Amino acid sequence: MKIAFLGLGNMGLPMARNLLKAGHEVVGFDVVAAQATRLAEAGGKTAAAAGDAVAGAEVVFTMLPAGQHVLEAYAGPGGILARCRPDALLVDCSTIAPATAREVAAAARARGVAMLDAPVSGGVGGAEGGTLTFMVGGAEADLARARPLLEKMGKNVFHAGAPGAGQVVKMCNNMLLGIQMAGTCEALRLGIAYGLDPARLSEIMGKSSGRNWALEVYNPCPGVMPGVPASRGYSGGFSTALMLKDLKLAAEGATATGTATPLGRMARDLYQAHADGGAAGKDFSSLFEDPAAAAALLAKLG
């Protein structure tokens, strides 16, 4: 199958590589030329422009930073909707506002083109290992077309509902993840302050009622768990800036629906202070090394 993949960053590149490993022809594009070169080194093809990558593709995947990038890529002059085949299937794996996902899906539907929103969970490790979870919004028939490809990149594929529903699930999931990570950092710092070994503390909590993904799979304390960002200077992984973006999406969604999410808003403010302190480019687990962000939030709360 001929596939176009736009957005070859920390997540998109390994996802595209897994499609290559499955025997598909992948033509990639990224605004950072070096990323496209890395795809070519893995056996893929590259295009000089996004529209060139899309032309002739049976399926188009996008993994882009934010909603404005998705709107521009799909509905902008010479964008995906203008260049794609009428029978193409479009799958956006970016994390954006549900309203934006519905807007793009409506534009695709107006041109008679099938589209899914399919944000992911699992981080860079999941993208590299092909173990991502896909949360899919759109028609079930379109998901049936996409499922064989999604299963080459992930181990869980869920149909969430109508267009935009995948983004709602992702928004809720990442708000909860931000809260869990903040709580895990606090619990570990408290135990260390009492002189406990963080590895032993993590082991015990991991077998107790406080167990969670941040503690067991993505431990934020350096030296506790090999292979995670905390053990490589908080490099790679899921940046603080992206977590903050997702927490802001959740706060906006809460306002739009009149839903009370006090912990979600506190997590947003905590990550805002962390980013403002210079950690925007570090992995979001780096909150562990920034108790000053917590102090700033406590001061704000009075």
Protein backbone atom coordinates (compact mmCIF):
# COMPACT_ATOMS: atom_id res chain seq x y z
CA MET A 1 0.00 0.00 0.00
CA LYS A 2 1.22 3.50 -0.80
CA ILE A 3 1.17 5.65 2.33
CA ALA A 4 2.01 9.31 2.90
CA PHE A 5 3.23 10.30 6.37
CA LEU A 6 3.43 13.99 7.25
CA GLY A 7 5.19 14.92 10.49
CA LEU A 8 8.27 12.83 11.23
CA GLY A 9 9.14 13.99 14.71
CA ASN A 10 9.76 11.93 17.85
CA MET A 11 6.48 10.08 17.35
CA GLY A 12 5.87 10.23 13.61
CA LEU A 13 9.23 8.89 12.48
CA PRO A 14 9.11 5.58 14.40
CA MET A 15 5.46 5.13 13.42
CA ALA A 16 6.38 5.55 9.76
CA ARG A 17 9.28 3.15 10.19
CA ASN A 18 6.93 0.49 11.51
CA LEU A 19 4.78 0.86 8.41
CA LEU A 20 7.92 0.36 6.34
CA LYS A 21 8.78 -2.76 8.33
CA ALA A 22 5.32 -4.09 7.52
CA GLY A 23 6.14 -3.89 3.82
CA HIS A 24 4.32 -0.73 2.84
CA GLU A 25 5.64 2.04 0.62
CA VAL A 26 5.94 5.19 2.72
CA VAL A 27 6.54 8.67 1.36
CA GLY A 28 7.32 11.12 4.12
CA PHE A 29 7.54 14.86 4.61
CA ASP A 30 8.66 17.02 7.51
CA VAL A 31 9.52 20.70 7.71
CA VAL A 32 12.79 19.58 9.32
CA ALA A 33 14.60 18.05 6.36
CA ALA A 34 16.87 15.96 8.58
CA GLN A 35 13.87 13.99 9.84
CA ALA A 36 12.83 13.10 6.30
CA THR A 37 16.40 12.00 5.64
CA ARG A 38 16.16 9.60 8.59
CA LEU A 39 13.07 8.05 7.00
CA ALA A 40 14.94 7.64 3.73
CA GLU A 41 17.76 5.90 5.59
CA ALA A 42 15.19 3.40 6.86
CA GLY A 43 14.05 2.63 3.32
CA GLY A 44 11.29 5.17 2.84
CA LYS A 45 10.87 7.85 0.24
CA THR A 46 10.73 11.60 0.79
CA ALA A 47 8.95 14.47 -0.89
CA ALA A 48 9.98 18.09 -1.34
CA ALA A 49 6.55 19.33 -0.22
CA ALA A 50 3.60 17.97 1.74
CA GLY A 51 1.35 18.02 -1.31
CA ASP A 52 3.85 15.97 -3.29
CA ALA A 53 3.89 13.30 -0.58
CA VAL A 54 0.11 13.09 -0.57
CA ALA A 55 -0.44 12.88 -4.33
CA GLY A 56 -1.27 9.29 -5.23
CA ALA A 57 -1.27 7.97 -1.66
CA GLU A 58 -3.98 5.51 -0.68
CA VAL A 59 -3.72 6.48 2.99
CA VAL A 60 -2.40 9.72 4.49
CA PHE A 61 -1.20 9.90 8.09
CA THR A 62 -0.40 13.14 9.88
CA MET A 63 1.33 13.63 13.24
CA LEU A 64 1.60 17.39 13.78
CA PRO A 65 2.26 19.63 16.81
CA ALA A 66 -0.99 21.57 17.17
CA GLY A 67 -4.40 22.39 15.75
CA GLN A 68 -3.26 25.27 13.57
CA HIS A 69 -0.74 22.99 11.88
CA VAL A 70 -3.45 20.42 11.20
CA LEU A 71 -5.81 23.02 9.74
CA GLU A 72 -3.10 24.39 7.50
CA ALA A 73 -1.93 20.95 6.38
CA TYR A 74 -5.41 19.77 5.44
CA ALA A 75 -7.39 22.83 4.42
CA GLY A 76 -4.67 25.31 3.45
CA PRO A 77 -3.86 26.24 -0.16
CA GLY A 78 -2.40 23.20 -1.88
CA GLY A 79 -3.00 21.17 1.26
CA ILE A 80 -3.95 17.55 1.71
CA LEU A 81 -7.61 17.96 0.76
CA ALA A 82 -6.61 19.72 -2.45
CA ARG A 83 -4.02 17.13 -3.45
CA CYS A 84 -5.24 13.77 -2.17
CA ARG A 85 -6.98 11.09 -4.19
CA PRO A 86 -10.80 11.15 -3.89
CA ASP A 87 -10.72 7.59 -2.54
CA ALA A 88 -7.90 8.25 -0.06
CA LEU A 89 -8.27 7.63 3.66
CA LEU A 90 -6.97 10.44 5.88
CA VAL A 91 -5.86 9.67 9.44
CA ASP A 92 -4.76 12.47 11.76
CA CYS A 93 -2.82 11.21 14.79
CA SER A 94 -2.08 14.68 16.20
CA THR A 95 -3.48 15.78 19.56
CA ILE A 96 -5.73 18.78 18.95
CA ALA A 97 -9.00 20.27 20.18
CA PRO A 98 -12.08 18.16 19.42
CA ALA A 99 -13.70 21.14 17.68
CA THR A 100 -10.73 21.45 15.33
CA ALA A 101 -10.87 17.73 14.55
CA ARG A 102 -14.56 18.02 13.72
CA GLU A 103 -13.89 21.07 11.54
CA VAL A 104 -11.26 19.26 9.49
CA ALA A 105 -13.42 16.13 9.25
CA ALA A 106 -16.32 18.23 7.96
CA ALA A 107 -14.07 19.80 5.31
CA ALA A 108 -12.96 16.32 4.24
CA ARG A 109 -16.55 15.07 4.17
CA ALA A 110 -17.56 18.04 1.99
CA ARG A 111 -15.03 16.81 -0.58
CA GLY A 112 -16.19 13.22 -0.24
CA VAL A 113 -12.97 12.07 1.44
CA ALA A 114 -12.93 9.71 4.42
CA MET A 115 -11.15 10.94 7.54
CA LEU A 116 -10.42 9.72 11.07
CA ASP A 117 -8.99 11.46 14.11
CA ALA A 118 -6.73 8.91 15.79
CA PRO A 119 -4.55 10.41 18.55
CA VAL A 120 -2.24 8.03 20.35
CA SER A 121 -1.01 7.13 23.81
CA GLY A 122 2.17 5.29 24.68
CA GLY A 123 4.92 7.85 24.11
CA VAL A 124 8.05 7.50 22.05
CA GLY A 125 8.73 4.03 23.47
CA GLY A 126 5.32 2.89 22.28
CA ALA A 127 5.88 4.44 18.87
CA GLU A 128 9.23 2.70 18.52
CA GLY A 129 7.97 -0.65 19.79
CA GLY A 130 4.70 -0.60 17.84
CA THR A 131 2.67 -0.76 21.04
CA LEU A 132 0.71 2.48 20.86
CA THR A 133 -2.94 2.84 21.80
CA PHE A 134 -5.08 4.53 19.13
CA MET A 135 -8.24 6.43 20.16
CA VAL A 136 -10.28 6.79 17.00
CA GLY A 137 -13.10 9.12 16.06
CA GLY A 138 -14.99 8.71 12.79
CA ALA A 139 -17.05 6.17 10.88
CA GLU A 140 -16.62 2.51 11.81
CA ALA A 141 -16.28 1.57 8.13
CA ASP A 142 -13.36 3.97 7.75
CA LEU A 143 -11.75 2.54 10.88
CA ALA A 144 -12.08 -0.94 9.37
CA ARG A 145 -9.99 0.28 6.42
CA ALA A 146 -7.39 1.83 8.70
CA ARG A 147 -7.21 -0.91 11.34
CA PRO A 148 -4.67 -3.17 9.57
CA LEU A 149 -2.27 -0.23 9.35
CA LEU A 150 -2.94 1.01 12.88
CA GLU A 151 -2.23 -2.49 14.19
CA LYS A 152 1.26 -2.32 12.66
CA MET A 153 1.93 0.71 14.85
CA GLY A 154 -0.02 -0.15 18.00
CA LYS A 155 -1.39 -2.98 20.06
CA ASN A 156 -4.69 -1.33 21.03
CA VAL A 157 -7.14 0.30 18.60
CA PHE A 158 -10.35 1.68 20.09
CA HIS A 159 -13.32 3.25 18.32
CA ALA A 160 -14.35 6.18 20.51
CA GLY A 161 -17.28 7.42 18.44
CA ALA A 162 -18.07 10.15 15.92
CA PRO A 163 -15.50 12.59 14.46
CA GLY A 164 -13.67 14.37 17.28
CA ALA A 165 -14.39 11.63 19.82
CA GLY A 166 -10.83 10.33 19.62
CA GLN A 167 -9.59 13.76 20.63
CA VAL A 168 -11.99 13.89 23.57
CA VAL A 169 -10.61 10.60 24.89
CA LYS A 170 -7.03 11.79 24.40
CA MET A 171 -7.80 15.08 26.17
CA CYS A 172 -9.24 13.24 29.17
CA ASN A 173 -6.40 10.71 29.22
CA ASN A 174 -3.63 13.29 29.16
CA MET A 175 -5.28 15.44 31.80
CA LEU A 176 -5.29 12.37 34.03
CA LEU A 177 -1.68 11.58 33.06
CA GLY A 178 -0.57 15.10 34.01
CA ILE A 179 -2.29 14.77 37.38
CA GLN A 180 -0.75 11.33 37.96
CA MET A 181 2.75 12.49 37.06
CA ALA A 182 2.49 15.50 39.36
CA GLY A 183 1.28 13.31 42.22
CA THR A 184 3.97 10.69 41.59
CA CYS A 185 6.68 13.35 41.69
CA GLU A 186 5.34 14.71 44.97
CA ALA A 187 5.09 11.28 46.59
CA LEU A 188 8.64 10.33 45.58
CA ARG A 189 10.09 13.64 46.77
CA LEU A 190 8.32 13.26 50.10
CA GLY A 191 9.68 9.75 50.61
CA ILE A 192 13.21 10.82 49.65
CA ALA A 193 12.98 13.69 52.14
CA TYR A 194 12.46 11.04 54.83
CA GLY A 195 15.55 9.20 53.66
CA LEU A 196 13.88 6.41 51.68
CA ASP A 197 15.47 4.80 48.64
CA PRO A 198 13.34 5.97 45.66
CA ALA A 199 13.71 2.62 43.88
CA ARG A 200 12.44 0.72 46.93
CA LEU A 201 9.67 3.27 47.49
CA SER A 202 8.61 2.93 43.83
CA GLU A 203 8.60 -0.86 44.09
CA ILE A 204 6.38 -0.84 47.16
CA MET A 205 3.95 1.78 45.84
CA GLY A 206 3.85 -0.13 42.54
CA LYS A 207 2.37 -3.08 44.44
CA SER A 208 0.02 -0.90 46.47
CA SER A 209 -3.02 1.27 45.88
CA GLY A 210 -0.91 4.19 44.64
CA ARG A 211 0.28 2.28 41.57
CA ASN A 212 -0.02 4.13 38.26
CA TRP A 213 1.58 4.34 34.80
CA ALA A 214 3.89 7.23 35.67
CA LEU A 215 5.27 5.27 38.63
CA GLU A 216 5.56 1.84 37.01
CA VAL A 217 6.41 2.58 33.37
CA TYR A 218 7.80 6.14 33.25
CA ASN A 219 9.33 6.73 36.66
CA PRO A 220 10.36 10.39 37.02
CA CYS A 221 13.21 9.86 39.51
CA PRO A 222 16.67 9.54 37.90
CA GLY A 223 18.32 6.16 38.34
CA VAL A 224 15.19 4.23 39.32
CA MET A 225 14.23 2.87 35.92
CA PRO A 226 16.49 2.33 32.88
CA GLY A 227 15.47 3.54 29.46
CA VAL A 228 13.11 6.32 30.58
CA PRO A 229 13.80 10.05 30.07
CA ALA A 230 14.58 10.53 33.77
CA SER A 231 17.62 8.29 33.34
CA ARG A 232 18.97 10.26 30.38
CA GLY A 233 18.73 13.81 31.62
CA TYR A 234 15.02 14.10 30.77
CA SER A 235 15.80 14.17 27.04
CA GLY A 236 13.50 12.74 24.40
CA GLY A 237 10.08 11.46 25.31
CA PHE A 238 7.07 13.76 25.71
CA SER A 239 8.03 17.37 26.27
CA THR A 240 6.74 19.63 29.03
CA ALA A 241 5.53 22.01 26.31
CA LEU A 242 3.35 19.29 24.78
CA MET A 243 1.95 18.23 28.13
CA LEU A 244 1.13 21.85 28.87
CA LYS A 245 -0.60 22.12 25.49
CA ASP A 246 -2.76 19.10 26.30
CA LEU A 247 -3.61 20.36 29.78
CA LYS A 248 -4.66 23.67 28.26
CA LEU A 249 -6.89 21.81 25.79
CA ALA A 250 -8.50 20.01 28.73
CA ALA A 251 -9.03 23.28 30.61
CA GLU A 252 -10.60 24.84 27.53
CA GLY A 253 -12.83 21.79 27.11
CA ALA A 254 -13.88 22.00 30.75
CA THR A 255 -14.81 25.65 30.32
CA ALA A 256 -16.73 24.94 27.11
CA THR A 257 -18.77 22.16 28.74
CA GLY A 258 -19.11 23.68 32.21
CA THR A 259 -17.27 20.75 33.78
CA ALA A 260 -15.38 21.23 37.07
CA THR A 261 -11.81 19.97 36.76
CA PRO A 262 -9.90 21.58 39.66
CA LEU A 263 -7.08 19.03 39.67
CA GLY A 264 -6.69 19.34 35.90
CA ARG A 265 -6.42 23.10 36.20
CA MET A 266 -3.88 22.82 39.01
CA ALA A 267 -1.82 20.44 36.87
CA ARG A 268 -1.99 22.97 34.04
CA ASP A 269 -0.76 25.77 36.32
CA LEU A 270 1.98 23.54 37.72
CA TYR A 271 3.27 22.66 34.26
CA GLN A 272 2.99 26.31 33.21
CA ALA A 273 5.31 27.26 36.08
CA HIS A 274 7.63 24.40 35.14
CA ALA A 275 7.76 25.50 31.50
CA ASP A 276 8.27 29.14 32.49
CA GLY A 277 11.24 28.01 34.55
CA GLY A 278 13.05 26.80 31.45
CA ALA A 279 11.88 23.20 31.21
CA ALA A 280 9.60 23.49 28.16
CA GLY A 281 11.90 21.32 26.04
CA LYS A 282 12.54 18.69 28.70
CA ASP A 283 10.44 15.56 29.13
CA PHE A 284 7.36 16.21 31.24
CA SER A 285 8.63 13.88 33.97
CA SER A 286 11.29 16.53 34.68
CA LEU A 287 8.69 18.08 36.97
CA PHE A 288 10.33 15.83 39.59
CA GLU A 289 13.46 18.01 39.64
CA ASP A 290 11.53 21.29 39.92
CA PRO A 291 9.98 21.69 43.38
CA ALA A 292 10.14 25.44 42.74
CA ALA A 293 7.22 25.03 40.32
CA ALA A 294 5.15 23.52 43.13
CA ALA A 295 6.21 26.34 45.43
CA ALA A 296 5.12 28.89 42.83
CA LEU A 297 1.71 27.23 42.54
CA LEU A 298 1.26 27.13 46.32
CA ALA A 299 2.16 30.81 46.50
CA LYS A 300 -0.39 31.56 43.79
CA LEU A 301 -3.06 29.64 45.69
CA GLY A 302 -2.20 31.62 48.85
